[in-house]
Amino acid sequence: MKRILQALSIVLSLVIGLGAIALPARADADLATGAKVFSANCAACHAGGINLVNAEKTLKKEALEKFGMNSVAAITTQVTNGKAGMPAFKGRLTDEQIAAVAAYVLDQAEKGW
């Protein structure tokens, strides 16, 4: 029994280690997808992190924090359902595209657009 637990522990360590190695490639792919989705669907109103509809609610880091939009979950909800002048993208974009664009927005906000 002890050998089985040791073997499982080794296998689990390898799986976790290999998963961590693959994450940056996945994150880069998601950001690349997010950039494409943003360009095609969001840039008309939000290019460079601005907001043409409501100038106060930009996609800049400080504004995202101020309005509680500084998480992938919050941005995903906003993009999916729309609100206050922003159209809903549910049914127009896949869940994966919406998650990718949310990650891209946060990444760009961190970098200062």
C-alpha atoms as a PDB file:
ATOM      1  CA  MET A   1       0.000   0.000   0.000  1.00  0.00           C
ATOM      2  CA  LYS A   2       2.841   2.347   0.871  1.00  0.00           C
ATOM      3  CA  ARG A   3       4.449   1.763  -2.558  1.00  0.00           C
ATOM      4  CA  ILE A   4       1.184   2.510  -4.329  1.00  0.00           C
ATOM      5  CA  LEU A   5       0.865   5.810  -2.473  1.00  0.00           C
ATOM      6  CA  GLN A   6       4.476   6.687  -3.303  1.00  0.00           C
ATOM      7  CA  ALA A   7       3.899   5.878  -6.977  1.00  0.00           C
ATOM      8  CA  LEU A   8       0.708   7.938  -7.047  1.00  0.00           C
ATOM      9  CA  SER A   9       2.538  10.806  -5.381  1.00  0.00           C
ATOM     10  CA  ILE A  10       5.255  10.728  -8.055  1.00  0.00           C
ATOM     11  CA  VAL A  11       2.726  10.564 -10.887  1.00  0.00           C
ATOM     12  CA  LEU A  12       0.718  13.423  -9.401  1.00  0.00           C
ATOM     13  CA  SER A  13       3.863  15.541  -9.043  1.00  0.00           C
ATOM     14  CA  LEU A  14       4.745  14.935 -12.678  1.00  0.00           C
ATOM     15  CA  VAL A  15       1.253  15.775 -13.895  1.00  0.00           C
ATOM     16  CA  ILE A  16       1.146  18.992 -11.885  1.00  0.00           C
ATOM     17  CA  GLY A  17       4.634  19.931 -13.041  1.00  0.00           C
ATOM     18  CA  LEU A  18       3.836  19.336 -16.698  1.00  0.00           C
ATOM     19  CA  GLY A  19       0.593  21.268 -16.392  1.00  0.00           C
ATOM     20  CA  ALA A  20       2.456  24.267 -15.029  1.00  0.00           C
ATOM     21  CA  ILE A  21       4.828  24.161 -17.985  1.00  0.00           C
ATOM     22  CA  ALA A  22       1.940  24.219 -20.450  1.00  0.00           C
ATOM     23  CA  LEU A  23       0.127  27.161 -18.826  1.00  0.00           C
ATOM     24  CA  PRO A  24       2.169  30.023 -20.334  1.00  0.00           C
ATOM     25  CA  ALA A  25       1.569  28.746 -23.872  1.00  0.00           C
ATOM     26  CA  ARG A  26      -2.160  28.510 -23.136  1.00  0.00           C
ATOM     27  CA  ALA A  27      -2.182  32.001 -21.617  1.00  0.00           C
ATOM     28  CA  ASP A  28      -0.359  33.422 -24.652  1.00  0.00           C
ATOM     29  CA  ALA A  29      -2.860  31.744 -26.983  1.00  0.00           C
ATOM     30  CA  ASP A  30      -5.775  33.140 -24.957  1.00  0.00           C
ATOM     31  CA  LEU A  31      -4.283  36.641 -25.072  1.00  0.00           C
ATOM     32  CA  ALA A  32      -3.736  36.365 -28.822  1.00  0.00           C
ATOM     33  CA  THR A  33      -7.344  35.249 -29.264  1.00  0.00           C
ATOM     34  CA  GLY A  34      -8.471  38.028 -26.937  1.00  0.00           C
ATOM     35  CA  ALA A  35      -6.566  40.609 -28.983  1.00  0.00           C
ATOM     36  CA  LYS A  36      -8.260  39.431 -32.182  1.00  0.00           C
ATOM     37  CA  VAL A  37     -11.716  39.418 -30.587  1.00  0.00           C
ATOM     38  CA  PHE A  38     -11.110  42.871 -29.092  1.00  0.00           C
ATOM     39  CA  SER A  39      -9.962  44.263 -32.432  1.00  0.00           C
ATOM     40  CA  ALA A  40     -13.006  42.913 -34.251  1.00  0.00           C
ATOM     41  CA  ASN A  41     -15.685  43.623 -31.639  1.00  0.00           C
ATOM     42  CA  CYS A  42     -14.556  46.144 -29.033  1.00  0.00           C
ATOM     43  CA  ALA A  43     -12.008  48.531 -30.525  1.00  0.00           C
ATOM     44  CA  ALA A  44     -14.609  50.794 -32.144  1.00  0.00           C
ATOM     45  CA  CYS A  45     -15.576  52.040 -28.669  1.00  0.00           C
ATOM     46  CA  HIS A  46     -12.599  50.944 -26.556  1.00  0.00           C
ATOM     47  CA  ALA A  47      -9.415  51.325 -28.653  1.00  0.00           C
ATOM     48  CA  GLY A  48      -6.465  52.026 -26.394  1.00  0.00           C
ATOM     49  CA  GLY A  49      -8.587  51.432 -23.306  1.00  0.00           C
ATOM     50  CA  ILE A  50     -10.895  54.419 -23.813  1.00  0.00           C
ATOM     51  CA  ASN A  51     -14.686  54.439 -23.634  1.00  0.00           C
ATOM     52  CA  LEU A  52     -16.442  56.518 -26.277  1.00  0.00           C
ATOM     53  CA  VAL A  53     -19.869  56.046 -24.682  1.00  0.00           C
ATOM     54  CA  ASN A  54     -18.954  56.866 -21.059  1.00  0.00           C
ATOM     55  CA  ALA A  55     -15.582  58.625 -20.781  1.00  0.00           C
ATOM     56  CA  GLU A  56     -15.297  57.947 -17.039  1.00  0.00           C
ATOM     57  CA  LYS A  57     -15.600  54.161 -17.385  1.00  0.00           C
ATOM     58  CA  THR A  58     -12.464  53.412 -19.361  1.00  0.00           C
ATOM     59  CA  LEU A  59     -10.600  50.132 -19.503  1.00  0.00           C
ATOM     60  CA  LYS A  60      -7.638  51.656 -17.677  1.00  0.00           C
ATOM     61  CA  LYS A  61      -6.529  49.832 -14.537  1.00  0.00           C
ATOM     62  CA  GLU A  62      -7.692  52.547 -12.141  1.00  0.00           C
ATOM     63  CA  ALA A  63     -11.170  52.752 -13.679  1.00  0.00           C
ATOM     64  CA  LEU A  64     -11.560  48.969 -13.746  1.00  0.00           C
ATOM     65  CA  GLU A  65     -10.720  48.881 -10.035  1.00  0.00           C
ATOM     66  CA  LYS A  66     -13.008  51.827  -9.218  1.00  0.00           C
ATOM     67  CA  PHE A  67     -16.015  50.249 -10.934  1.00  0.00           C
ATOM     68  CA  GLY A  68     -15.389  46.653  -9.793  1.00  0.00           C
ATOM     69  CA  MET A  69     -14.393  45.428 -13.235  1.00  0.00           C
ATOM     70  CA  ASN A  70     -10.896  44.269 -12.313  1.00  0.00           C
ATOM     71  CA  SER A  71     -11.448  40.527 -12.672  1.00  0.00           C
ATOM     72  CA  VAL A  72     -12.022  38.149 -15.552  1.00  0.00           C
ATOM     73  CA  ALA A  73     -15.371  37.184 -14.002  1.00  0.00           C
ATOM     74  CA  ALA A  74     -16.634  40.780 -13.814  1.00  0.00           C
ATOM     75  CA  ILE A  75     -15.546  41.628 -17.352  1.00  0.00           C
ATOM     76  CA  THR A  76     -16.972  38.349 -18.644  1.00  0.00           C
ATOM     77  CA  THR A  77     -20.362  39.201 -17.113  1.00  0.00           C
ATOM     78  CA  GLN A  78     -20.280  42.700 -18.637  1.00  0.00           C
ATOM     79  CA  VAL A  79     -19.336  41.439 -22.106  1.00  0.00           C
ATOM     80  CA  THR A  80     -21.841  38.581 -21.968  1.00  0.00           C
ATOM     81  CA  ASN A  81     -24.844  40.570 -20.741  1.00  0.00           C
ATOM     82  CA  GLY A  82     -24.031  44.145 -21.714  1.00  0.00           C
ATOM     83  CA  LYS A  83     -25.143  47.112 -19.619  1.00  0.00           C
ATOM     84  CA  ALA A  84     -25.590  50.873 -19.778  1.00  0.00           C
ATOM     85  CA  GLY A  85     -24.859  51.497 -23.441  1.00  0.00           C
ATOM     86  CA  MET A  86     -22.731  48.410 -24.019  1.00  0.00           C
ATOM     87  CA  PRO A  87     -24.319  45.685 -26.128  1.00  0.00           C
ATOM     88  CA  ALA A  88     -24.483  42.079 -24.951  1.00  0.00           C
ATOM     89  CA  PHE A  89     -22.238  39.678 -26.820  1.00  0.00           C
ATOM     90  CA  LYS A  90     -23.919  36.482 -25.601  1.00  0.00           C
ATOM     91  CA  GLY A  91     -24.748  34.486 -28.715  1.00  0.00           C
ATOM     92  CA  ARG A  92     -22.436  36.626 -30.852  1.00  0.00           C
ATOM     93  CA  LEU A  93     -19.214  35.406 -29.245  1.00  0.00           C
ATOM     94  CA  THR A  94     -18.447  32.020 -27.708  1.00  0.00           C
ATOM     95  CA  ASP A  95     -17.789  31.671 -23.984  1.00  0.00           C
ATOM     96  CA  GLU A  96     -14.135  31.024 -24.843  1.00  0.00           C
ATOM     97  CA  GLN A  97     -13.892  34.209 -26.909  1.00  0.00           C
ATOM     98  CA  ILE A  98     -15.490  36.237 -24.127  1.00  0.00           C
ATOM     99  CA  ALA A  99     -13.102  34.783 -21.525  1.00  0.00           C
ATOM    100  CA  ALA A 100     -10.151  35.469 -23.837  1.00  0.00           C
ATOM    101  CA  VAL A 101     -11.155  39.095 -24.413  1.00  0.00           C
ATOM    102  CA  ALA A 102     -11.660  39.581 -20.660  1.00  0.00           C
ATOM    103  CA  ALA A 103      -8.148  38.253 -19.994  1.00  0.00           C
ATOM    104  CA  TYR A 104      -6.792  40.486 -22.760  1.00  0.00           C
ATOM    105  CA  VAL A 105      -8.464  43.595 -21.303  1.00  0.00           C
ATOM    106  CA  LEU A 106      -6.980  42.898 -17.855  1.00  0.00           C
ATOM    107  CA  ASP A 107      -3.559  42.224 -19.367  1.00  0.00           C
ATOM    108  CA  GLN A 108      -3.631  45.471 -21.328  1.00  0.00           C
ATOM    109  CA  ALA A 109      -4.857  47.426 -18.298  1.00  0.00           C
ATOM    110  CA  GLU A 110      -1.913  46.090 -16.280  1.00  0.00           C
ATOM    111  CA  LYS A 111       0.438  47.188 -19.073  1.00  0.00           C
ATOM    112  CA  GLY A 112      -1.132  50.655 -19.277  1.00  0.00           C
ATOM    113  CA  TRP A 113      -2.662  50.083 -22.713  1.00  0.00           C
END
